[in-house]
Protein backbone atom coordinates (compact mmCIF):
# COMPACT_ATOMS: atom_id res chain seq x y z
CA MET A 1 22.24 4.39 -58.88
CA ALA A 2 23.79 7.09 -56.70
CA ALA A 3 20.34 8.55 -56.06
CA ALA A 4 19.04 5.15 -54.95
CA GLN A 5 22.04 4.68 -52.66
CA LYS A 6 21.50 8.16 -51.17
CA ALA A 7 17.76 7.52 -50.61
CA MET A 8 18.55 4.19 -48.90
CA GLU A 9 21.15 5.83 -46.64
CA GLU A 10 18.73 8.63 -45.72
CA GLY A 11 16.05 6.06 -44.96
CA ILE A 12 18.42 4.11 -42.69
CA ALA A 13 19.58 7.31 -40.99
CA ASN A 14 15.95 8.35 -40.44
CA THR A 15 15.17 4.96 -38.92
CA ASP A 16 18.24 5.23 -36.67
CA ARG A 17 17.06 8.67 -35.46
CA LYS A 18 13.59 7.28 -34.71
CA VAL A 19 15.08 4.37 -32.77
CA ASP A 20 17.35 6.74 -30.82
CA LYS A 21 14.37 8.99 -30.01
CA MET A 22 12.30 6.00 -28.84
CA ASN A 23 15.17 4.78 -26.65
CA GLU A 24 15.56 8.25 -25.15
CA GLU A 25 11.82 8.48 -24.42
CA ALA A 26 11.85 5.03 -22.85
CA ALA A 27 14.81 5.98 -20.65
CA ASN A 28 12.91 9.03 -19.38
CA MET A 29 9.73 7.12 -18.53
CA PRO A 30 9.10 6.41 -14.86
CA ASN A 31 9.46 2.83 -13.74
CA PHE A 32 5.80 2.05 -13.13
CA GLY A 33 6.65 -1.38 -11.78
CA ALA A 34 8.79 0.21 -9.08
CA LEU A 35 6.04 2.71 -8.28
CA ALA A 36 3.54 -0.13 -7.92
CA ASP A 37 5.98 -1.96 -5.64
CA VAL A 38 6.37 1.14 -3.44
CA HIS A 39 2.60 1.57 -3.25
CA SER A 40 2.15 -2.07 -2.31
CA THR A 41 4.85 -1.84 0.34
CA LEU A 42 3.30 1.28 1.89
CA ALA A 43 -0.16 -0.28 1.89
CA ASN A 44 1.23 -3.43 3.52
CA MET A 45 3.05 -1.35 6.15
CA GLY A 46 -0.20 0.48 6.97
CA SER A 47 -2.07 -2.79 7.24
CA MET A 48 0.57 -4.31 9.52
CA ARG A 49 0.55 -1.18 11.71
CA LYS A 50 -3.23 -1.34 12.06
CA LYS A 51 -3.07 -5.04 12.94
CA GLY A 52 -0.48 -4.27 15.62
CA GLN A 53 -2.67 -1.52 17.07
CA VAL A 54 -5.75 -3.75 17.06
CA ASN A 55 -3.85 -6.58 18.75
CA SER A 56 -2.45 -4.17 21.35
CA LEU A 57 -5.86 -2.69 22.17
CA ALA A 58 -7.46 -6.13 22.39
CA ALA A 59 -4.70 -7.30 24.73
CA LYS A 60 -5.14 -4.22 26.95
CA LEU A 61 -8.87 -4.95 27.17
CA GLY A 62 -8.25 -8.65 27.74
CA VAL A 63 -10.28 -9.81 24.73
CA ASP A 64 -9.48 -11.80 21.61
CA VAL A 65 -9.34 -10.38 18.11
CA GLN A 66 -11.99 -11.97 15.92
CA ALA A 67 -12.37 -12.34 12.18
CA GLY A 68 -13.27 -9.02 10.59
CA ASP A 69 -11.95 -6.84 13.40
CA TYR A 70 -9.07 -5.60 11.23
CA ASP A 71 -11.56 -4.33 8.65
CA LEU A 72 -13.54 -2.16 11.09
CA SER A 73 -13.18 1.60 11.26
CA ALA A 74 -11.50 3.02 14.35
CA SER A 75 -14.78 3.98 16.05
CA GLU A 76 -16.46 0.65 15.23
CA LEU A 77 -13.41 -1.22 16.46
CA GLY A 78 -13.31 0.64 19.77
CA THR A 79 -17.02 0.09 20.34
CA THR A 80 -16.77 -3.59 19.41
CA LEU A 81 -13.78 -4.32 21.63
CA MET A 82 -15.25 -2.39 24.57
CA ALA A 83 -18.53 -4.33 24.24
CA ARG A 84 -16.54 -7.57 24.15
CA ALA A 85 -14.64 -6.51 27.29
CA LYS A 86 -17.94 -5.72 29.05
CA GLU A 87 -19.27 -9.16 28.08
CA ALA A 88 -16.08 -10.67 29.53
CA GLY A 89 -16.85 -9.00 32.87
CA LYS A 90 -14.59 -5.94 32.72
CA SER A 91 -15.79 -2.91 34.64
CA ASP A 92 -16.18 0.53 33.08
CA GLU A 93 -13.17 1.70 35.10
CA GLU A 94 -11.01 -1.13 33.75
CA ILE A 95 -12.12 -0.45 30.20
CA ASN A 96 -11.56 3.29 30.52
CA ALA A 97 -8.11 2.71 32.00
CA ALA A 98 -7.18 0.35 29.14
CA MET A 99 -8.47 2.79 26.54
CA ALA A 100 -6.52 5.66 28.13
CA GLU A 101 -3.17 3.85 27.83
């Protein structure tokens, strides 16, 4: 009976050590949810900054931002907004001055 009691106690102690090790490993794991939140926040900040820059450039050129403008690359956006300003009657000098600001 003593041997059975000892085996049971060793089994419980072994389980306790495994649980402690798992808890320690879990405590040392990075918080992936927090990392995802930071990534999302940074991506949103970048998107908001680009929208602000697009709105500012469009205002300088005196044109409206249209659907899809925020998705254009920088060179495509510049070309598109300058073409829109030309269509609105802006001179090359006015466009160049707005782009230089």
